[in-house]
Amino acid sequence: MPVLTNRVKVSTATTGTGSPITLGAVESGGFQSFAASGVSSGDTVRYAIEDGDNFELGLGVYNSTGPTLTRSVDESSNAGSAISLSGSALVFITASSIDFSRMTALTLIFGR
């Protein structure tokens, strides 16, 4: 299961579809960085990226050096492929229906 934390939202100046992306400044409004929320280098998180009208959801591996996030796309507005980042995207940690489906399946199998 990916690490899930609260109120993480940062900018990225990364452009294009490459990976990893460099994580930037924390967004105003009470948000925090990946590190401040308790994410450690090497942790896998469920991330979302918003860039204008484009979006991307996936699993990413956080690296505190940079800091960076290596992206592995599950769903996007680009037919399931990585979106091309403009240099002014927002990245945040989220939960996905995929995670809840897996939790439900485990509950049915193991009764927990």
PDB file of N, CA and C in Angstrom:
ATOM      1  N   MET A   1       0.843  -1.189   0.000  1.00  0.00           N
ATOM      2  CA  MET A   1       0.000   0.000   0.000  1.00  0.00           C
ATOM      3  C   MET A   1       0.881   1.243   0.000  1.00  0.00           C
ATOM      4  N   PRO A   2       0.485   2.235  -0.755  1.00  0.00           N
ATOM      5  CA  PRO A   2       1.244   3.480  -0.738  1.00  0.00           C
ATOM      6  C   PRO A   2       1.066   4.217   0.583  1.00  0.00           C
ATOM      7  N   VAL A   3       2.062   5.035   0.909  1.00  0.00           N
ATOM      8  CA  VAL A   3       1.991   5.899   2.086  1.00  0.00           C
ATOM      9  C   VAL A   3       0.949   6.976   1.819  1.00  0.00           C
ATOM     10  N   LEU A   4       0.088   7.229   2.792  1.00  0.00           N
ATOM     11  CA  LEU A   4      -0.934   8.266   2.663  1.00  0.00           C
ATOM     12  C   LEU A   4      -0.740   9.264   3.792  1.00  0.00           C
ATOM     13  N   THR A   5      -0.581  10.533   3.436  1.00  0.00           N
ATOM     14  CA  THR A   5      -0.429  11.594   4.423  1.00  0.00           C
ATOM     15  C   THR A   5      -1.420  12.703   4.111  1.00  0.00           C
ATOM     16  N   ASN A   6      -1.453  13.703   4.971  1.00  0.00           N
ATOM     17  CA  ASN A   6      -2.447  14.774   4.851  1.00  0.00           C
ATOM     18  C   ASN A   6      -1.837  16.085   4.381  1.00  0.00           C
ATOM     19  N   ARG A   7      -2.580  16.798   3.558  1.00  0.00           N
ATOM     20  CA  ARG A   7      -2.322  18.196   3.201  1.00  0.00           C
ATOM     21  C   ARG A   7      -0.969  18.417   2.543  1.00  0.00           C
ATOM     22  N   VAL A   8      -0.593  17.537   1.620  1.00  0.00           N
ATOM     23  CA  VAL A   8       0.644  17.716   0.846  1.00  0.00           C
ATOM     24  C   VAL A   8       0.274  18.266  -0.522  1.00  0.00           C
ATOM     25  N   LYS A   9       0.845  19.424  -0.858  1.00  0.00           N
ATOM     26  CA  LYS A   9       0.607  20.020  -2.171  1.00  0.00           C
ATOM     27  C   LYS A   9       1.772  20.948  -2.484  1.00  0.00           C
ATOM     28  N   VAL A  10       2.471  20.629  -3.574  1.00  0.00           N
ATOM     29  CA  VAL A  10       3.649  21.406  -3.960  1.00  0.00           C
ATOM     30  C   VAL A  10       3.608  21.695  -5.453  1.00  0.00           C
ATOM     31  N   SER A  11       4.394  22.671  -5.848  1.00  0.00           N
ATOM     32  CA  SER A  11       4.521  22.987  -7.267  1.00  0.00           C
ATOM     33  C   SER A  11       5.645  22.154  -7.878  1.00  0.00           C
ATOM     34  N   THR A  12       5.677  22.107  -9.201  1.00  0.00           N
ATOM     35  CA  THR A  12       6.829  21.566  -9.916  1.00  0.00           C
ATOM     36  C   THR A  12       7.069  22.420 -11.153  1.00  0.00           C
ATOM     37  N   ALA A  13       8.335  22.750 -11.357  1.00  0.00           N
ATOM     38  CA  ALA A  13       8.727  23.501 -12.549  1.00  0.00           C
ATOM     39  C   ALA A  13       9.186  22.568 -13.656  1.00  0.00           C
ATOM     40  N   THR A  14       9.075  21.258 -13.423  1.00  0.00           N
ATOM     41  CA  THR A  14       9.475  20.262 -14.415  1.00  0.00           C
ATOM     42  C   THR A  14       8.608  20.405 -15.661  1.00  0.00           C
ATOM     43  N   THR A  15       9.211  20.214 -16.831  1.00  0.00           N
ATOM     44  CA  THR A  15       8.472  20.240 -18.092  1.00  0.00           C
ATOM     45  C   THR A  15       8.602  18.899 -18.793  1.00  0.00           C
ATOM     46  N   GLY A  16       7.627  18.602 -19.648  1.00  0.00           N
ATOM     47  CA  GLY A  16       7.662  17.379 -20.445  1.00  0.00           C
ATOM     48  C   GLY A  16       7.071  16.186 -19.728  1.00  0.00           C
ATOM     49  N   THR A  17       7.329  15.010 -20.276  1.00  0.00           N
ATOM     50  CA  THR A  17       6.738  13.764 -19.765  1.00  0.00           C
ATOM     51  C   THR A  17       7.729  12.910 -18.996  1.00  0.00           C
ATOM     52  N   GLY A  18       8.927  13.409 -18.809  1.00  0.00           N
ATOM     53  CA  GLY A  18       9.973  12.609 -18.172  1.00  0.00           C
ATOM     54  C   GLY A  18       9.759  12.376 -16.691  1.00  0.00           C
ATOM     55  N   SER A  19      10.564  11.492 -16.174  1.00  0.00           N
ATOM     56  CA  SER A  19      10.523  11.140 -14.769  1.00  0.00           C
ATOM     57  C   SER A  19      11.954  10.924 -14.317  1.00  0.00           C
ATOM     58  N   PRO A  20      12.353  11.362 -13.152  1.00  0.00           N
ATOM     59  CA  PRO A  20      11.506  11.923 -12.102  1.00  0.00           C
ATOM     60  C   PRO A  20      11.231  13.408 -12.326  1.00  0.00           C
ATOM     61  N   ILE A  21      10.250  13.891 -11.555  1.00  0.00           N
ATOM     62  CA  ILE A  21       9.974  15.321 -11.563  1.00  0.00           C
ATOM     63  C   ILE A  21      10.558  15.921 -10.287  1.00  0.00           C
ATOM     64  N   THR A  22      10.993  17.157 -10.384  1.00  0.00           N
ATOM     65  CA  THR A  22      11.519  17.852  -9.218  1.00  0.00           C
ATOM     66  C   THR A  22      10.377  18.552  -8.503  1.00  0.00           C
ATOM     67  N   LEU A  23      10.287  18.322  -7.204  1.00  0.00           N
ATOM     68  CA  LEU A  23       9.225  18.915  -6.394  1.00  0.00           C
ATOM     69  C   LEU A  23       9.671  20.287  -5.912  1.00  0.00           C
ATOM     70  N   GLY A  24       8.772  21.258  -5.999  1.00  0.00           N
ATOM     71  CA  GLY A  24       9.104  22.633  -5.676  1.00  0.00           C
ATOM     72  C   GLY A  24       8.495  23.110  -4.380  1.00  0.00           C
ATOM     73  N   ALA A  25       8.115  24.365  -4.385  1.00  0.00           N
ATOM     74  CA  ALA A  25       7.623  25.053  -3.194  1.00  0.00           C
ATOM     75  C   ALA A  25       6.255  24.526  -2.753  1.00  0.00           C
ATOM     76  N   VAL A  26       6.053  24.584  -1.455  1.00  0.00           N
ATOM     77  CA  VAL A  26       4.765  24.213  -0.866  1.00  0.00           C
ATOM     78  C   VAL A  26       3.737  25.280  -1.235  1.00  0.00           C
ATOM     79  N   GLU A  27       2.558  24.853  -1.611  1.00  0.00           N
ATOM     80  CA  GLU A  27       1.466  25.779  -1.931  1.00  0.00           C
ATOM     81  C   GLU A  27       0.957  26.451  -0.658  1.00  0.00           C
ATOM     82  N   SER A  28       0.521  27.684  -0.786  1.00  0.00           N
ATOM     83  CA  SER A  28      -0.046  28.400   0.364  1.00  0.00           C
ATOM     84  C   SER A  28      -1.404  27.804   0.718  1.00  0.00           C
ATOM     85  N   GLY A  29      -1.876  28.123   1.895  1.00  0.00           N
ATOM     86  CA  GLY A  29      -3.183  27.635   2.325  1.00  0.00           C
ATOM     87  C   GLY A  29      -3.103  26.494   3.321  1.00  0.00           C
ATOM     88  N   GLY A  30      -1.981  26.369   4.010  1.00  0.00           N
ATOM     89  CA  GLY A  30      -1.874  25.340   5.035  1.00  0.00           C
ATOM     90  C   GLY A  30      -1.389  23.993   4.543  1.00  0.00           C
ATOM     91  N   PHE A  31      -0.809  23.951   3.358  1.00  0.00           N
ATOM     92  CA  PHE A  31      -0.274  22.693   2.845  1.00  0.00           C
ATOM     93  C   PHE A  31       1.139  22.467   3.371  1.00  0.00           C
ATOM     94  N   GLN A  32       1.665  21.265   3.158  1.00  0.00           N
ATOM     95  CA  GLN A  32       3.006  20.932   3.608  1.00  0.00           C
ATOM     96  C   GLN A  32       3.742  20.145   2.538  1.00  0.00           C
ATOM     97  N   SER A  33       5.032  20.038   2.717  1.00  0.00           N
ATOM     98  CA  SER A  33       5.869  19.285   1.779  1.00  0.00           C
ATOM     99  C   SER A  33       5.743  17.784   2.041  1.00  0.00           C
ATOM    100  N   PHE A  34       6.256  17.000   1.130  1.00  0.00           N
ATOM    101  CA  PHE A  34       6.287  15.550   1.305  1.00  0.00           C
ATOM    102  C   PHE A  34       7.027  15.204   2.594  1.00  0.00           C
ATOM    103  N   ALA A  35       8.232  15.773   2.772  1.00  0.00           N
ATOM    104  CA  ALA A  35       9.049  15.461   3.949  1.00  0.00           C
ATOM    105  C   ALA A  35       8.373  15.884   5.242  1.00  0.00           C
ATOM    106  N   ALA A  36       7.797  17.089   5.260  1.00  0.00           N
ATOM    107  CA  ALA A  36       7.145  17.587   6.473  1.00  0.00           C
ATOM    108  C   ALA A  36       5.951  16.725   6.871  1.00  0.00           C
ATOM    109  N   SER A  37       5.340  16.049   5.903  1.00  0.00           N
ATOM    110  CA  SER A  37       4.177  15.203   6.206  1.00  0.00           C
ATOM    111  C   SER A  37       4.582  13.818   6.698  1.00  0.00           C
ATOM    112  N   GLY A  38       5.885  13.523   6.648  1.00  0.00           N
ATOM    113  CA  GLY A  38       6.356  12.226   7.135  1.00  0.00           C
ATOM    114  C   GLY A  38       6.745  11.246   6.050  1.00  0.00           C
ATOM    115  N   VAL A  39       6.712  11.656   4.788  1.00  0.00           N
ATOM    116  CA  VAL A  39       7.144  10.773   3.703  1.00  0.00           C
ATOM    117  C   VAL A  39       8.667  10.708   3.735  1.00  0.00           C
ATOM    118  N   SER A  40       9.200   9.497   3.677  1.00  0.00           N
ATOM    119  CA  SER A  40      10.646   9.276   3.710  1.00  0.00           C
ATOM    120  C   SER A  40      11.157   8.897   2.334  1.00  0.00           C
ATOM    121  N   SER A  41      12.422   9.152   2.118  1.00  0.00           N
ATOM    122  CA  SER A  41      13.054   8.786   0.854  1.00  0.00           C
ATOM    123  C   SER A  41      12.849   7.291   0.601  1.00  0.00           C
ATOM    124  N   GLY A  42      12.393   6.960  -0.602  1.00  0.00           N
ATOM    125  CA  GLY A  42      12.116   5.572  -0.965  1.00  0.00           C
ATOM    126  C   GLY A  42      10.669   5.154  -0.778  1.00  0.00           C
ATOM    127  N   ASP A  43       9.872   5.986  -0.084  1.00  0.00           N
ATOM    128  CA  ASP A  43       8.451   5.665   0.109  1.00  0.00           C
ATOM    129  C   ASP A  43       7.698   5.800  -1.211  1.00  0.00           C
ATOM    130  N   THR A  44       6.703   4.945  -1.385  1.00  0.00           N
ATOM    131  CA  THR A  44       5.799   5.021  -2.524  1.00  0.00           C
ATOM    132  C   THR A  44       4.525   5.731  -2.081  1.00  0.00           C
ATOM    133  N   VAL A  45       4.095   6.695  -2.882  1.00  0.00           N
ATOM    134  CA  VAL A  45       2.876   7.456  -2.586  1.00  0.00           C
ATOM    135  C   VAL A  45       1.956   7.413  -3.797  1.00  0.00           C
ATOM    136  N   ARG A  46       0.665   7.576  -3.559  1.00  0.00           N
ATOM    137  CA  ARG A  46      -0.293   7.781  -4.630  1.00  0.00           C
ATOM    138  C   ARG A  46      -0.326   9.288  -4.867  1.00  0.00           C
ATOM    139  N   TYR A  47       0.007   9.704  -6.070  1.00  0.00           N
ATOM    140  CA  TYR A  47       0.092  11.132  -6.360  1.00  0.00           C
ATOM    141  C   TYR A  47      -0.940  11.533  -7.406  1.00  0.00           C
ATOM    142  N   ALA A  48      -1.202  12.821  -7.424  1.00  0.00           N
ATOM    143  CA  ALA A  48      -1.991  13.431  -8.489  1.00  0.00           C
ATOM    144  C   ALA A  48      -1.228  14.663  -8.952  1.00  0.00           C
ATOM    145  N   ILE A  49      -1.301  14.899 -10.246  1.00  0.00           N
ATOM    146  CA  ILE A  49      -0.732  16.114 -10.826  1.00  0.00           C
ATOM    147  C   ILE A  49      -1.852  16.825 -11.564  1.00  0.00           C
ATOM    148  N   GLU A  50      -1.970  18.132 -11.326  1.00  0.00           N
ATOM    149  CA  GLU A  50      -2.896  18.981 -12.069  1.00  0.00           C
ATOM    150  C   GLU A  50      -2.069  20.016 -12.819  1.00  0.00           C
ATOM    151  N   ASP A  51      -2.333  20.135 -14.095  1.00  0.00           N
ATOM    152  CA  ASP A  51      -1.619  21.114 -14.915  1.00  0.00           C
ATOM    153  C   ASP A  51      -2.621  21.685 -15.909  1.00  0.00           C
ATOM    154  N   GLY A  52      -3.199  22.830 -15.557  1.00  0.00           N
ATOM    155  CA  GLY A  52      -4.271  23.392 -16.372  1.00  0.00           C
ATOM    156  C   GLY A  52      -5.452  22.442 -16.378  1.00  0.00           C
ATOM    157  N   ASP A  53      -5.921  22.076 -17.566  1.00  0.00           N
ATOM    158  CA  ASP A  53      -7.034  21.138 -17.691  1.00  0.00           C
ATOM    159  C   ASP A  53      -6.580  19.681 -17.694  1.00  0.00           C
ATOM    160  N   ASN A  54      -5.293  19.437 -17.569  1.00  0.00           N
ATOM    161  CA  ASN A  54      -4.744  18.077 -17.621  1.00  0.00           C
ATOM    162  C   ASN A  54      -4.519  17.524 -16.221  1.00  0.00           C
ATOM    163  N   PHE A  55      -4.660  16.197 -16.097  1.00  0.00           N
ATOM    164  CA  PHE A  55      -4.425  15.549 -14.812  1.00  0.00           C
ATOM    165  C   PHE A  55      -3.722  14.220 -15.024  1.00  0.00           C
ATOM    166  N   GLU A  56      -3.102  13.770 -13.935  1.00  0.00           N
ATOM    167  CA  GLU A  56      -2.426  12.475 -13.936  1.00  0.00           C
ATOM    168  C   GLU A  56      -2.512  11.892 -12.535  1.00  0.00           C
ATOM    169  N   LEU A  57      -2.821  10.608 -12.436  1.00  0.00           N
ATOM    170  CA  LEU A  57      -2.827   9.876 -11.173  1.00  0.00           C
ATOM    171  C   LEU A  57      -1.892   8.693 -11.311  1.00  0.00           C
ATOM    172  N   GLY A  58      -1.166   8.397 -10.245  1.00  0.00           N
ATOM    173  CA  GLY A  58      -0.271   7.250 -10.321  1.00  0.00           C
ATOM    174  C   GLY A  58       0.404   6.965  -8.999  1.00  0.00           C
ATOM    175  N   LEU A  59       1.352   6.049  -9.065  1.00  0.00           N
ATOM    176  CA  LEU A  59       2.207   5.750  -7.922  1.00  0.00           C
ATOM    177  C   LEU A  59       3.556   6.383  -8.192  1.00  0.00           C
ATOM    178  N   GLY A  60       4.112   7.014  -7.171  1.00  0.00           N
ATOM    179  CA  GLY A  60       5.407   7.653  -7.316  1.00  0.00           C
ATOM    180  C   GLY A  60       6.316   7.277  -6.169  1.00  0.00           C
ATOM    181  N   VAL A  61       7.597   7.229  -6.449  1.00  0.00           N
ATOM    182  CA  VAL A  61       8.591   6.969  -5.413  1.00  0.00           C
ATOM    183  C   VAL A  61       9.280   8.282  -5.093  1.00  0.00           C
ATOM    184  N   TYR A  62       9.220   8.643  -3.825  1.00  0.00           N
ATOM    185  CA  TYR A  62       9.781   9.901  -3.346  1.00  0.00           C
ATOM    186  C   TYR A  62      11.266   9.746  -3.067  1.00  0.00           C
ATOM    187  N   ASN A  63      12.040  10.748  -3.448  1.00  0.00           N
ATOM    188  CA  ASN A  63      13.455  10.815  -3.122  1.00  0.00           C
ATOM    189  C   ASN A  63      13.698  12.177  -2.492  1.00  0.00           C
ATOM    190  N   SER A  64      14.232  12.189  -1.281  1.00  0.00           N
ATOM    191  CA  SER A  64      14.439  13.450  -0.567  1.00  0.00           C
ATOM    192  C   SER A  64      15.529  14.303  -1.201  1.00  0.00           C
ATOM    193  N   THR A  65      16.390  13.687  -2.023  1.00  0.00           N
ATOM    194  CA  THR A  65      17.406  14.456  -2.735  1.00  0.00           C
ATOM    195  C   THR A  65      16.749  15.102  -3.933  1.00  0.00           C
ATOM    196  N   GLY A  66      16.767  16.374  -3.971  1.00  0.00           N
ATOM    197  CA  GLY A  66      16.112  17.125  -5.056  1.00  0.00           C
ATOM    198  C   GLY A  66      15.098  18.112  -4.519  1.00  0.00           C
ATOM    199  N   PRO A  67      14.055  17.717  -3.857  1.00  0.00           N
ATOM    200  CA  PRO A  67      13.458  16.376  -3.827  1.00  0.00           C
ATOM    201  C   PRO A  67      12.781  16.047  -5.156  1.00  0.00           C
ATOM    202  N   THR A  68      12.640  14.752  -5.422  1.00  0.00           N
ATOM    203  CA  THR A  68      12.023  14.312  -6.671  1.00  0.00           C
ATOM    204  C   THR A  68      10.955  13.261  -6.416  1.00  0.00           C
ATOM    205  N   LEU A  69      10.141  13.057  -7.443  1.00  0.00           N
ATOM    206  CA  LEU A  69       9.128  12.005  -7.432  1.00  0.00           C
ATOM    207  C   LEU A  69       9.201  11.293  -8.774  1.00  0.00           C
ATOM    208  N   THR A  70       9.478   9.993  -8.728  1.00  0.00           N
ATOM    209  CA  THR A  70       9.484   9.181  -9.936  1.00  0.00           C
ATOM    210  C   THR A  70       8.056   8.752 -10.200  1.00  0.00           C
ATOM    211  N   ARG A  71       7.541   9.041 -11.374  1.00  0.00           N
ATOM    212  CA  ARG A  71       6.130   8.823 -11.665  1.00  0.00           C
ATOM    213  C   ARG A  71       5.888   7.554 -12.469  1.00  0.00           C
ATOM    214  N   SER A  72       4.812   6.877 -12.091  1.00  0.00           N
ATOM    215  CA  SER A  72       4.326   5.695 -12.801  1.00  0.00           C
ATOM    216  C   SER A  72       2.814   5.878 -12.941  1.00  0.00           C
ATOM    217  N   VAL A  73       2.357   6.184 -14.130  1.00  0.00           N
ATOM    218  CA  VAL A  73       0.988   6.635 -14.375  1.00  0.00           C
ATOM    219  C   VAL A  73      -0.007   5.475 -14.354  1.00  0.00           C
ATOM    220  N   ASP A  74      -1.125   5.684 -13.650  1.00  0.00           N
ATOM    221  CA  ASP A  74      -2.260   4.745 -13.668  1.00  0.00           C
ATOM    222  C   ASP A  74      -3.402   5.269 -14.532  1.00  0.00           C
ATOM    223  N   GLU A  75      -3.600   6.574 -14.503  1.00  0.00           N
ATOM    224  CA  GLU A  75      -4.734   7.190 -15.200  1.00  0.00           C
ATOM    225  C   GLU A  75      -4.354   8.635 -15.519  1.00  0.00           C
ATOM    226  N   SER A  76      -4.825   9.134 -16.657  1.00  0.00           N
ATOM    227  CA  SER A  76      -4.531  10.530 -16.983  1.00  0.00           C
ATOM    228  C   SER A  76      -5.498  11.052 -18.033  1.00  0.00           C
ATOM    229  N   SER A  77      -5.431  12.347 -18.230  1.00  0.00           N
ATOM    230  CA  SER A  77      -6.204  12.969 -19.296  1.00  0.00           C
ATOM    231  C   SER A  77      -5.516  12.787 -20.648  1.00  0.00           C
ATOM    232  N   ASN A  78      -4.378  12.117 -20.658  1.00  0.00           N
ATOM    233  CA  ASN A  78      -3.623  11.833 -21.876  1.00  0.00           C
ATOM    234  C   ASN A  78      -3.707  10.342 -22.199  1.00  0.00           C
ATOM    235  N   ALA A  79      -4.923   9.807 -22.167  1.00  0.00           N
ATOM    236  CA  ALA A  79      -5.186   8.396 -22.507  1.00  0.00           C
ATOM    237  C   ALA A  79      -4.341   7.434 -21.684  1.00  0.00           C
ATOM    238  N   GLY A  80      -4.121   7.769 -20.403  1.00  0.00           N
ATOM    239  CA  GLY A  80      -3.403   6.877 -19.508  1.00  0.00           C
ATOM    240  C   GLY A  80      -1.893   7.003 -19.557  1.00  0.00           C
ATOM    241  N   SER A  81      -1.381   7.907 -20.355  1.00  0.00           N
ATOM    242  CA  SER A  81       0.063   8.150 -20.431  1.00  0.00           C
ATOM    243  C   SER A  81       0.403   9.402 -19.629  1.00  0.00           C
ATOM    244  N   ALA A  82       1.690   9.583 -19.367  1.00  0.00           N
ATOM    245  CA  ALA A  82       2.134  10.771 -18.643  1.00  0.00           C
ATOM    246  C   ALA A  82       1.712  12.031 -19.394  1.00  0.00           C
ATOM    247  N   ILE A  83       1.238  13.016 -18.647  1.00  0.00           N
ATOM    248  CA  ILE A  83       0.919  14.289 -19.271  1.00  0.00           C
ATOM    249  C   ILE A  83       2.215  15.073 -19.473  1.00  0.00           C
ATOM    250  N   SER A  84       2.218  15.955 -20.436  1.00  0.00           N
ATOM    251  CA  SER A  84       3.363  16.814 -20.678  1.00  0.00           C
ATOM    252  C   SER A  84       3.247  18.035 -19.764  1.00  0.00           C
ATOM    253  N   LEU A  85       4.139  18.116 -18.811  1.00  0.00           N
ATOM    254  CA  LEU A  85       4.083  19.189 -17.821  1.00  0.00           C
ATOM    255  C   LEU A  85       4.543  20.512 -18.410  1.00  0.00           C
ATOM    256  N   SER A  86       3.864  21.577 -18.010  1.00  0.00           N
ATOM    257  CA  SER A  86       4.114  22.907 -18.564  1.00  0.00           C
ATOM    258  C   SER A  86       5.178  23.697 -17.802  1.00  0.00           C
ATOM    259  N   GLY A  87       5.532  23.221 -16.621  1.00  0.00           N
ATOM    260  CA  GLY A  87       6.445  23.968 -15.762  1.00  0.00           C
ATOM    261  C   GLY A  87       5.739  24.701 -14.646  1.00  0.00           C
ATOM    262  N   SER A  88       4.410  24.590 -14.597  1.00  0.00           N
ATOM    263  CA  SER A  88       3.635  25.234 -13.527  1.00  0.00           C
ATOM    264  C   SER A  88       2.537  24.315 -12.998  1.00  0.00           C
ATOM    265  N   ALA A  89       2.860  23.039 -12.860  1.00  0.00           N
ATOM    266  CA  ALA A  89       1.893  22.052 -12.381  1.00  0.00           C
ATOM    267  C   ALA A  89       1.900  21.979 -10.855  1.00  0.00           C
ATOM    268  N   LEU A  90       0.850  21.388 -10.308  1.00  0.00           N
ATOM    269  CA  LEU A  90       0.740  21.117  -8.876  1.00  0.00           C
ATOM    270  C   LEU A  90       0.746  19.613  -8.657  1.00  0.00           C
ATOM    271  N   VAL A  91       1.449  19.181  -7.619  1.00  0.00           N
ATOM    272  CA  VAL A  91       1.573  17.761  -7.276  1.00  0.00           C
ATOM    273  C   VAL A  91       1.068  17.579  -5.859  1.00  0.00           C
ATOM    274  N   PHE A  92       0.218  16.577  -5.637  1.00  0.00           N
ATOM    275  CA  PHE A  92      -0.233  16.326  -4.273  1.00  0.00           C
ATOM    276  C   PHE A  92      -0.417  14.836  -4.029  1.00  0.00           C
ATOM    277  N   ILE A  93      -0.437  14.484  -2.750  1.00  0.00           N
ATOM    278  CA  ILE A  93      -0.683  13.099  -2.341  1.00  0.00           C
ATOM    279  C   ILE A  93      -2.173  12.936  -2.171  1.00  0.00           C
ATOM    280  N   THR A  94      -2.694  11.806  -2.652  1.00  0.00           N
ATOM    281  CA  THR A  94      -4.129  11.561  -2.613  1.00  0.00           C
ATOM    282  C   THR A  94      -4.393  10.072  -2.422  1.00  0.00           C
ATOM    283  N   ALA A  95      -5.623   9.729  -2.263  1.00  0.00           N
ATOM    284  CA  ALA A  95      -6.064   8.339  -2.304  1.00  0.00           C
ATOM    285  C   ALA A  95      -6.814   8.148  -3.616  1.00  0.00           C
ATOM    286  N   SER A  96      -6.889   6.923  -4.074  1.00  0.00           N
ATOM    287  CA  SER A  96      -7.540   6.626  -5.345  1.00  0.00           C
ATOM    288  C   SER A  96      -8.539   5.495  -5.155  1.00  0.00           C
ATOM    289  N   SER A  97      -9.473   5.414  -6.048  1.00  0.00           N
ATOM    290  CA  SER A  97     -10.433   4.308  -5.992  1.00  0.00           C
ATOM    291  C   SER A  97      -9.719   2.969  -6.084  1.00  0.00           C
ATOM    292  N   ILE A  98      -8.576   2.933  -6.736  1.00  0.00           N
ATOM    293  CA  ILE A  98      -7.783   1.696  -6.817  1.00  0.00           C
ATOM    294  C   ILE A  98      -7.418   1.217  -5.415  1.00  0.00           C
ATOM    295  N   ASP A  99      -6.991   2.142  -4.556  1.00  0.00           N
ATOM    296  CA  ASP A  99      -6.600   1.785  -3.193  1.00  0.00           C
ATOM    297  C   ASP A  99      -7.781   1.248  -2.400  1.00  0.00           C
ATOM    298  N   PHE A 100      -8.941   1.880  -2.549  1.00  0.00           N
ATOM    299  CA  PHE A 100     -10.109   1.432  -1.804  1.00  0.00           C
ATOM    300  C   PHE A 100     -10.615   0.092  -2.317  1.00  0.00           C
ATOM    301  N   SER A 101     -10.505  -0.151  -3.610  1.00  0.00           N
ATOM    302  CA  SER A 101     -10.895  -1.451  -4.167  1.00  0.00           C
ATOM    303  C   SER A 101     -10.022  -2.555  -3.600  1.00  0.00           C
ATOM    304  N   ARG A 102      -8.727  -2.284  -3.483  1.00  0.00           N
ATOM    305  CA  ARG A 102      -7.803  -3.276  -2.917  1.00  0.00           C
ATOM    306  C   ARG A 102      -8.100  -3.523  -1.451  1.00  0.00           C
ATOM    307  N   MET A 103      -8.409  -2.441  -0.701  1.00  0.00           N
ATOM    308  CA  MET A 103      -8.719  -2.604   0.715  1.00  0.00           C
ATOM    309  C   MET A 103      -9.999  -3.416   0.885  1.00  0.00           C
ATOM    310  N   THR A 104     -10.998  -3.178   0.063  1.00  0.00           N
ATOM    311  CA  THR A 104     -12.243  -3.931   0.133  1.00  0.00           C
ATOM    312  C   THR A 104     -12.002  -5.398  -0.169  1.00  0.00           C
ATOM    313  N   ALA A 105     -11.189  -5.678  -1.183  1.00  0.00           N
ATOM    314  CA  ALA A 105     -10.877  -7.064  -1.521  1.00  0.00           C
ATOM    315  C   ALA A 105     -10.163  -7.760  -0.374  1.00  0.00           C
ATOM    316  N   LEU A 106      -9.227  -7.087   0.245  1.00  0.00           N
ATOM    317  CA  LEU A 106      -8.502  -7.674   1.391  1.00  0.00           C
ATOM    318  C   LEU A 106      -9.432  -7.925   2.558  1.00  0.00           C
ATOM    319  N   THR A 107     -10.371  -7.013   2.787  1.00  0.00           N
ATOM    320  CA  THR A 107     -11.332  -7.193   3.861  1.00  0.00           C
ATOM    321  C   THR A 107     -12.190  -8.428   3.609  1.00  0.00           C
ATOM    322  N   LEU A 108     -12.626  -8.599   2.378  1.00  0.00           N
ATOM    323  CA  LEU A 108     -13.439  -9.768   2.054  1.00  0.00           C
ATOM    324  C   LEU A 108     -12.647 -11.067   2.182  1.00  0.00           C
ATOM    325  N   ILE A 109     -11.387 -11.026   1.822  1.00  0.00           N
ATOM    326  CA  ILE A 109     -10.550 -12.232   1.893  1.00  0.00           C
ATOM    327  C   ILE A 109     -10.159 -12.557   3.330  1.00  0.00           C
ATOM    328  N   PHE A 110      -9.708 -11.540   4.070  1.00  0.00           N
ATOM    329  CA  PHE A 110      -9.150 -11.785   5.395  1.00  0.00           C
ATOM    330  C   PHE A 110     -10.090 -11.399   6.536  1.00  0.00           C
ATOM    331  N   GLY A 111     -11.201 -10.786   6.225  1.00  0.00           N
ATOM    332  CA  GLY A 111     -12.178 -10.434   7.248  1.00  0.00           C
ATOM    333  C   GLY A 111     -11.723  -9.322   8.175  1.00  0.00           C
ATOM    334  N   ARG A 112     -10.849  -8.455   7.695  1.00  0.00           N
ATOM    335  CA  ARG A 112     -10.380  -7.338   8.544  1.00  0.00           C
ATOM    336  C   ARG A 112     -10.710  -6.026   7.907  1.00  0.00           C
TER     337      ARG A 112
END
